[in-house]
């Protein structure tokens, strides 16, 4: 944990007012190809839900305006940019916005395909290419030679960063950097005053090395929403109980325990080959006046929506079936990246 910062840099919380949401359209040259029509329909549902509350920046290598029109998406709040990409995980290759002395700056961290597991050269250039095309107005872009994915960090907006040791300290990201040096990087780039490290927690089928947005999320400066497993026969049981112990040991900046809201554990989901998929209700997207929550046609869906509503009483909570998304090991939060108000 670090406890000092004088550089007037701040990473906003996700619930702060947003100007848009960034997505990348699934196409035939992505791993989505075998299930393309189904996943495109899933994206259209997400797009329609987001457009009810705020604009969308959509990156696609193809001209898809006519395709969107055919599917009754004609909103002027959706702006399309023709940009090549390897995949569609905007949370991890999209810009992380910080405020420096009150002014927004887009931080373009290096994206290496979650530790060089997948091709990512085109995805790593999407933020830069969007900036060149004017997608972010005149907001400054800073490219950083430090590997960091948006899904690996949570901010409370007041200087506390929540993350996992399994991801940020994995040598497949920034080999040779100690924990202390990585903390210094987060202090410099994100304005971190405190870093809370989860030492436990993982999902079977997750290939991000335990991104925090699959496990635990800030809902307020003093509230954390987290996945929980009470099935003693489930492979996740021990690890998630240890994660819960980690969370209970954390203290807010004022020294008090966090209010913890647990999310239910859905029944195991599998792909066609029998591999378990990382279904998690923690992968929700906070927007202006609404929270989109991934659901899985599971008997626990309604309880998950209720728990998120408890965490965000002033937001409209909307469930989106994300069974198609977890086939490629991610979910709703993973395919989106909020752009705070003031950037565009």
Protein backbone atom coordinates (compact mmCIF):
# COMPACT_ATOMS: atom_id res chain seq x y z
CA UNK A 1 0.00 0.00 0.00
CA UNK A 2 1.23 3.53 -0.76
CA UNK A 3 0.01 6.62 1.07
CA UNK A 4 1.33 9.76 -0.61
CA UNK A 5 0.74 11.76 -3.81
CA UNK A 6 1.38 15.39 -4.72
CA UNK A 7 1.01 15.34 -8.51
CA UNK A 8 -2.70 16.43 -8.61
CA UNK A 9 -3.61 13.49 -10.80
CA UNK A 10 -6.87 11.65 -10.17
CA UNK A 11 -8.51 8.63 -11.77
CA UNK A 12 -12.28 9.18 -11.56
CA UNK A 13 -14.68 6.56 -10.29
CA UNK A 14 -16.83 4.84 -12.89
CA UNK A 15 -20.02 6.31 -11.41
CA UNK A 16 -18.89 9.88 -12.12
CA UNK A 17 -20.66 11.61 -15.02
CA UNK A 18 -19.75 10.13 -18.38
CA UNK A 19 -19.67 11.60 -21.89
CA UNK A 20 -19.79 8.33 -23.84
CA UNK A 21 -19.05 4.61 -23.83
CA UNK A 22 -16.50 3.03 -26.17
CA UNK A 23 -17.14 -0.34 -27.86
CA UNK A 24 -15.54 -2.31 -30.70
CA UNK A 25 -17.78 -4.20 -33.14
CA UNK A 26 -17.31 -8.00 -33.45
CA UNK A 27 -16.41 -9.01 -37.01
CA UNK A 28 -15.45 -12.12 -38.96
CA UNK A 29 -11.71 -11.65 -38.37
CA UNK A 30 -12.08 -11.89 -34.60
CA UNK A 31 -12.39 -15.01 -32.42
CA UNK A 32 -16.14 -14.35 -32.52
CA UNK A 33 -16.37 -15.72 -36.09
CA UNK A 34 -17.93 -19.13 -35.19
CA UNK A 35 -20.78 -17.40 -33.32
CA UNK A 36 -20.77 -14.05 -35.10
CA UNK A 37 -24.49 -13.50 -35.66
CA UNK A 38 -25.35 -14.42 -32.09
CA UNK A 39 -22.71 -12.18 -30.55
CA UNK A 40 -23.57 -9.28 -32.87
CA UNK A 41 -27.16 -9.54 -31.64
CA UNK A 42 -25.80 -9.45 -28.10
CA UNK A 43 -23.84 -6.29 -28.92
CA UNK A 44 -26.93 -4.69 -30.44
CA UNK A 45 -28.80 -5.28 -27.19
CA UNK A 46 -25.95 -3.67 -25.25
CA UNK A 47 -25.80 -0.75 -27.69
CA UNK A 48 -29.54 -0.10 -27.45
CA UNK A 49 -29.37 -0.12 -23.64
CA UNK A 50 -26.41 2.28 -23.52
CA UNK A 51 -27.98 4.71 -26.01
CA UNK A 52 -30.89 5.21 -23.62
CA UNK A 53 -28.49 7.00 -21.29
CA UNK A 54 -25.46 8.26 -23.20
CA UNK A 55 -23.59 8.36 -26.55
CA UNK A 56 -21.45 5.57 -27.98
CA UNK A 57 -18.11 5.60 -29.78
CA UNK A 58 -18.00 2.45 -31.92
CA UNK A 59 -14.80 1.17 -33.59
CA UNK A 60 -15.12 -1.23 -36.51
CA UNK A 61 -12.81 -2.20 -39.39
CA UNK A 62 -15.79 -2.20 -41.79
CA UNK A 63 -18.52 0.19 -42.87
CA UNK A 64 -21.45 -1.14 -40.88
CA UNK A 65 -23.82 1.84 -40.95
CA UNK A 66 -26.28 0.02 -43.24
CA UNK A 67 -26.15 -3.05 -40.98
CA UNK A 68 -26.99 -0.92 -37.94
CA UNK A 69 -29.82 0.83 -39.80
CA UNK A 70 -31.30 -2.51 -40.81
CA UNK A 71 -31.39 -3.38 -37.13
CA UNK A 72 -33.11 -0.10 -36.23
CA UNK A 73 -30.09 1.63 -34.71
CA UNK A 74 -30.14 5.12 -36.20
CA UNK A 75 -29.28 7.31 -33.22
CA UNK A 76 -27.08 10.34 -33.81
CA UNK A 77 -25.56 9.56 -30.42
CA UNK A 78 -23.68 6.64 -32.00
CA UNK A 79 -20.54 7.67 -33.89
CA UNK A 80 -18.74 5.01 -35.95
CA UNK A 81 -14.99 5.04 -36.64
CA UNK A 82 -13.42 2.69 -39.16
CA UNK A 83 -10.42 1.24 -37.38
CA UNK A 84 -8.87 -2.25 -37.62
CA UNK A 85 -8.81 -4.44 -34.53
CA UNK A 86 -7.89 -7.94 -33.39
CA UNK A 87 -10.80 -8.34 -31.00
CA UNK A 88 -13.45 -6.40 -29.09
CA UNK A 89 -12.34 -6.02 -25.45
CA UNK A 90 -12.52 -2.22 -25.20
CA UNK A 91 -12.09 -2.26 -21.43
CA UNK A 92 -8.52 -3.43 -21.81
CA UNK A 93 -7.22 -1.61 -24.90
CA UNK A 94 -9.33 1.53 -24.47
CA UNK A 95 -8.03 4.73 -22.84
CA UNK A 96 -7.91 5.12 -19.08
CA UNK A 97 -8.96 8.69 -18.36
CA UNK A 98 -7.38 10.67 -15.55
CA UNK A 99 -7.73 14.29 -14.52
CA UNK A 100 -4.57 16.34 -14.15
CA UNK A 101 -5.19 19.59 -12.32
CA UNK A 102 -8.85 19.17 -13.19
CA UNK A 103 -8.37 18.63 -16.91
CA UNK A 104 -8.97 15.24 -18.58
CA UNK A 105 -6.07 13.30 -20.06
CA UNK A 106 -6.38 10.02 -21.93
CA UNK A 107 -3.76 7.49 -20.83
CA UNK A 108 -2.99 4.90 -23.49
CA UNK A 109 -1.28 2.06 -21.66
CA UNK A 110 0.38 -0.78 -23.55
CA UNK A 111 -1.94 -3.70 -24.25
CA UNK A 112 -0.12 -7.00 -24.87
CA UNK A 113 -3.03 -9.43 -25.16
CA UNK A 114 -3.16 -10.30 -21.44
CA UNK A 115 0.43 -11.37 -21.20
CA UNK A 116 0.95 -12.18 -24.91
CA UNK A 117 -1.74 -14.88 -24.89
CA UNK A 118 -3.36 -13.44 -28.03
CA UNK A 119 -2.55 -11.21 -31.00
CA UNK A 120 -3.05 -7.61 -29.93
CA UNK A 121 -1.00 -5.33 -32.19
CA UNK A 122 -4.06 -3.77 -33.86
CA UNK A 123 -5.98 -3.49 -30.61
CA UNK A 124 -3.02 -1.75 -29.00
CA UNK A 125 -3.32 0.98 -31.65
CA UNK A 126 -7.10 1.55 -31.43
CA UNK A 127 -6.96 4.34 -28.84
CA UNK A 128 -4.25 6.19 -30.76
CA UNK A 129 -6.15 5.77 -34.03
CA UNK A 130 -9.39 7.00 -32.46
CA UNK A 131 -7.56 10.03 -31.13
CA UNK A 132 -6.14 10.82 -34.56
CA UNK A 133 -9.65 10.68 -36.03
CA UNK A 134 -10.96 13.14 -33.46
CA UNK A 135 -13.09 10.73 -31.44
CA UNK A 136 -11.96 12.34 -28.19
CA UNK A 137 -12.01 15.95 -29.33
CA UNK A 138 -8.94 17.92 -28.34
CA UNK A 139 -8.27 16.00 -25.15
CA UNK A 140 -4.59 15.19 -24.69
CA UNK A 141 -3.44 11.60 -25.24
CA UNK A 142 -0.44 10.20 -23.37
CA UNK A 143 0.98 6.89 -24.63
CA UNK A 144 2.67 4.96 -21.83
CA UNK A 145 5.19 2.14 -22.15
CA UNK A 146 3.67 0.27 -19.21
CA UNK A 147 1.37 -2.73 -19.61
CA UNK A 148 -1.97 -2.16 -17.87
CA UNK A 149 -5.55 -3.14 -18.73
CA UNK A 150 -8.59 -1.15 -17.66
CA UNK A 151 -10.23 -4.29 -16.30
CA UNK A 152 -7.35 -4.81 -13.86
CA UNK A 153 -7.95 -1.62 -11.84
CA UNK A 154 -10.84 -0.12 -9.88
CA UNK A 155 -10.85 3.49 -8.64
CA UNK A 156 -12.97 5.07 -5.91
CA UNK A 157 -12.31 8.50 -7.44
CA UNK A 158 -10.53 9.66 -4.29
CA UNK A 159 -7.10 8.10 -4.76
CA UNK A 160 -7.74 4.46 -3.79
CA UNK A 161 -7.00 1.81 -6.43
CA UNK A 162 -8.27 -1.75 -5.98
CA UNK A 163 -6.45 -4.47 -7.93
CA UNK A 164 -5.13 -8.04 -7.78
CA UNK A 165 -1.62 -9.32 -7.24
CA UNK A 166 -2.19 -12.21 -9.65
CA UNK A 167 -2.61 -9.80 -12.55
CA UNK A 168 -0.47 -6.72 -11.92
CA UNK A 169 2.45 -8.64 -10.45
CA UNK A 170 2.40 -11.31 -13.15
CA UNK A 171 5.73 -11.24 -15.04
CA UNK A 172 3.86 -11.59 -18.34
CA UNK A 173 2.87 -7.90 -18.02
CA UNK A 174 5.86 -5.88 -16.79
CA UNK A 175 8.68 -8.35 -16.27
CA UNK A 176 11.40 -7.15 -13.93
CA UNK A 177 9.33 -4.54 -12.11
CA UNK A 178 8.92 -5.06 -8.36
CA UNK A 179 5.67 -4.48 -6.51
CA UNK A 180 7.09 -1.20 -5.20
CA UNK A 181 7.95 -0.01 -8.73
CA UNK A 182 4.49 -0.94 -10.00
CA UNK A 183 2.93 0.99 -7.13
CA UNK A 184 5.07 3.97 -8.10
CA UNK A 185 3.81 3.68 -11.69
CA UNK A 186 0.20 3.68 -10.50
CA UNK A 187 0.92 6.69 -8.33
CA UNK A 188 2.44 8.58 -11.27
CA UNK A 189 -0.05 7.64 -13.97
CA UNK A 190 -3.30 7.30 -11.98
CA UNK A 191 -2.67 9.53 -8.98
CA UNK A 192 -2.95 6.58 -6.59
CA UNK A 193 -2.69 7.50 -2.93
CA UNK A 194 -3.51 3.99 -1.69
CA UNK A 195 -3.46 0.61 -3.40
CA UNK A 196 -5.51 -2.28 -2.05
CA UNK A 197 -4.11 -5.60 -3.29
CA UNK A 198 -6.36 -8.65 -3.43
CA UNK A 199 -4.13 -11.69 -2.93
CA UNK A 200 -6.89 -14.21 -3.64
CA UNK A 201 -9.69 -14.70 -6.13
CA UNK A 202 -9.99 -16.19 -9.60
CA UNK A 203 -12.54 -17.56 -12.06
CA UNK A 204 -12.19 -20.79 -13.99
CA UNK A 205 -11.94 -19.98 -17.70
CA UNK A 206 -10.65 -16.47 -17.08
CA UNK A 207 -7.60 -15.69 -19.22
CA UNK A 208 -6.89 -12.23 -17.78
CA UNK A 209 -4.98 -13.53 -14.72
CA UNK A 210 -7.71 -12.39 -12.31
CA UNK A 211 -8.91 -8.99 -13.45
CA UNK A 212 -10.47 -7.11 -10.57
CA UNK A 213 -13.63 -6.36 -12.59
CA UNK A 214 -14.55 -10.04 -12.51
CA UNK A 215 -14.21 -10.22 -8.73
CA UNK A 216 -14.78 -6.99 -6.77
CA UNK A 217 -15.99 -3.51 -7.69
CA UNK A 218 -16.27 -0.16 -5.95
CA UNK A 219 -19.89 1.06 -5.73
CA UNK A 220 -19.11 4.09 -3.56
CA UNK A 221 -16.00 5.32 -1.82
CA UNK A 222 -16.97 3.10 1.13
CA UNK A 223 -18.73 0.17 -0.58
CA UNK A 224 -17.35 -2.85 -2.45
CA UNK A 225 -19.52 -5.31 -4.38
CA UNK A 226 -17.92 -8.74 -4.74
CA UNK A 227 -18.59 -12.25 -6.00
CA UNK A 228 -19.26 -14.89 -3.37
CA UNK A 229 -19.46 -18.68 -3.45
CA UNK A 230 -21.20 -20.72 -0.75
CA UNK A 231 -21.11 -24.04 -2.58
CA UNK A 232 -18.46 -26.08 -0.75
CA UNK A 233 -18.25 -28.47 -3.71
CA UNK A 234 -17.38 -25.73 -6.18
CA UNK A 235 -13.72 -25.37 -7.18
CA UNK A 236 -13.95 -21.62 -6.42
CA UNK A 237 -15.15 -22.00 -2.84
CA UNK A 238 -11.85 -21.82 -0.92
CA UNK A 239 -10.27 -19.11 -3.05
CA UNK A 240 -13.30 -16.82 -2.90
CA UNK A 241 -13.65 -17.29 0.84
CA UNK A 242 -10.01 -16.19 1.17
CA UNK A 243 -10.76 -13.23 -1.11
CA UNK A 244 -13.64 -12.26 1.16
CA UNK A 245 -11.24 -12.37 4.10
CA UNK A 246 -8.93 -10.00 2.18
CA UNK A 247 -11.83 -7.62 1.59
CA UNK A 248 -12.84 -7.67 5.24
CA UNK A 249 -9.30 -6.69 6.21
CA UNK A 250 -9.31 -3.60 3.98
CA UNK A 251 -10.03 -0.17 5.45
CA UNK A 252 -11.34 2.98 3.85
CA UNK A 253 -9.19 6.11 3.72
CA UNK A 254 -10.85 7.18 6.99
CA UNK A 255 -9.90 3.86 8.63
CA UNK A 256 -13.29 2.16 8.68
CA UNK A 257 -14.20 -1.27 7.27
CA UNK A 258 -15.82 -1.27 3.85
CA UNK A 259 -19.48 -2.02 3.43
CA UNK A 260 -19.39 -5.32 1.53
CA UNK A 261 -22.24 -6.43 -0.73
CA UNK A 262 -21.97 -10.00 -1.95
CA UNK A 263 -23.15 -11.15 -5.36
CA UNK A 264 -24.66 -14.63 -5.80
CA UNK A 265 -22.82 -17.43 -7.53
CA UNK A 266 -24.40 -18.62 -10.79
CA UNK A 267 -24.52 -22.27 -11.75
CA UNK A 268 -21.47 -23.44 -13.69
CA UNK A 269 -21.53 -22.60 -17.41
CA UNK A 270 -19.54 -24.59 -19.98
CA UNK A 271 -18.53 -24.28 -23.61
CA UNK A 272 -19.16 -26.97 -26.24
CA UNK A 273 -15.93 -28.74 -25.27
CA UNK A 274 -16.87 -28.93 -21.60
CA UNK A 275 -14.57 -26.13 -20.41
CA UNK A 276 -15.94 -23.97 -17.63
CA UNK A 277 -16.72 -20.36 -18.56
CA UNK A 278 -16.12 -17.33 -16.31
CA UNK A 279 -19.70 -16.27 -15.56
CA UNK A 280 -19.58 -13.38 -13.08
CA UNK A 281 -22.14 -10.82 -12.00
CA UNK A 282 -19.36 -8.44 -10.95
CA UNK A 283 -18.73 -7.50 -14.58
CA UNK A 284 -21.39 -4.78 -14.60
CA UNK A 285 -21.12 -1.37 -16.33
CA UNK A 286 -21.95 1.78 -14.35
CA UNK A 287 -23.35 4.58 -16.51
CA UNK A 288 -25.21 7.86 -16.13
CA UNK A 289 -28.29 6.94 -14.06
CA UNK A 290 -28.09 3.23 -14.91
CA UNK A 291 -26.12 0.03 -14.29
CA UNK A 292 -26.05 -2.71 -16.92
CA UNK A 293 -25.60 -6.10 -15.26
CA UNK A 294 -24.62 -9.31 -17.07
CA UNK A 295 -27.08 -12.16 -16.63
CA UNK A 296 -26.77 -15.79 -17.70
CA UNK A 297 -30.33 -17.22 -17.86
CA UNK A 298 -29.64 -18.48 -14.38
CA UNK A 299 -31.85 -18.86 -11.33
CA UNK A 300 -29.51 -16.44 -9.50
CA UNK A 301 -29.96 -13.62 -12.04
CA UNK A 302 -32.75 -11.89 -10.11
CA UNK A 303 -30.79 -12.01 -6.85
CA UNK A 304 -27.78 -10.50 -8.62
CA UNK A 305 -29.88 -7.63 -9.99
CA UNK A 306 -31.28 -7.03 -6.50
CA UNK A 307 -27.78 -6.92 -4.97
CA UNK A 308 -26.58 -4.42 -7.57
CA UNK A 309 -29.71 -2.32 -6.97
CA UNK A 310 -28.83 -2.30 -3.27
CA UNK A 311 -25.38 -0.97 -4.18
CA UNK A 312 -26.76 1.66 -6.58
CA UNK A 313 -30.16 2.71 -5.18
CA UNK A 314 -30.38 5.82 -7.38
CA UNK A 315 -29.62 3.99 -10.65
CA UNK A 316 -31.85 2.00 -12.95
CA UNK A 317 -30.51 -1.58 -12.96
CA UNK A 318 -30.87 -3.42 -16.28
CA UNK A 319 -29.97 -7.04 -16.92
CA UNK A 320 -28.36 -8.05 -20.22
CA UNK A 321 -28.03 -11.73 -21.16
CA UNK A 322 -24.28 -12.27 -21.63
CA UNK A 323 -24.10 -16.01 -22.25
CA UNK A 324 -22.72 -15.30 -25.77
CA UNK A 325 -19.95 -13.07 -24.36
CA UNK A 326 -18.57 -15.56 -21.86
CA UNK A 327 -17.85 -17.98 -24.71
CA UNK A 328 -14.76 -15.84 -25.28
CA UNK A 329 -14.04 -15.57 -21.54
CA UNK A 330 -15.30 -12.03 -20.89
CA UNK A 331 -18.55 -10.27 -20.14
CA UNK A 332 -20.33 -6.91 -20.26
CA UNK A 333 -17.83 -4.66 -18.49
CA UNK A 334 -15.00 -6.19 -20.50
CA UNK A 335 -16.43 -5.07 -23.85
CA UNK A 336 -17.05 -1.46 -22.77
CA UNK A 337 -14.97 1.50 -21.63
CA UNK A 338 -16.56 4.62 -20.17
CA UNK A 339 -15.33 8.02 -21.36
CA UNK A 340 -15.83 10.62 -18.60
CA UNK A 341 -17.59 13.90 -19.14
CA UNK A 342 -15.24 16.60 -20.37
CA UNK A 343 -13.21 14.40 -22.70
CA UNK A 344 -15.36 14.94 -25.80
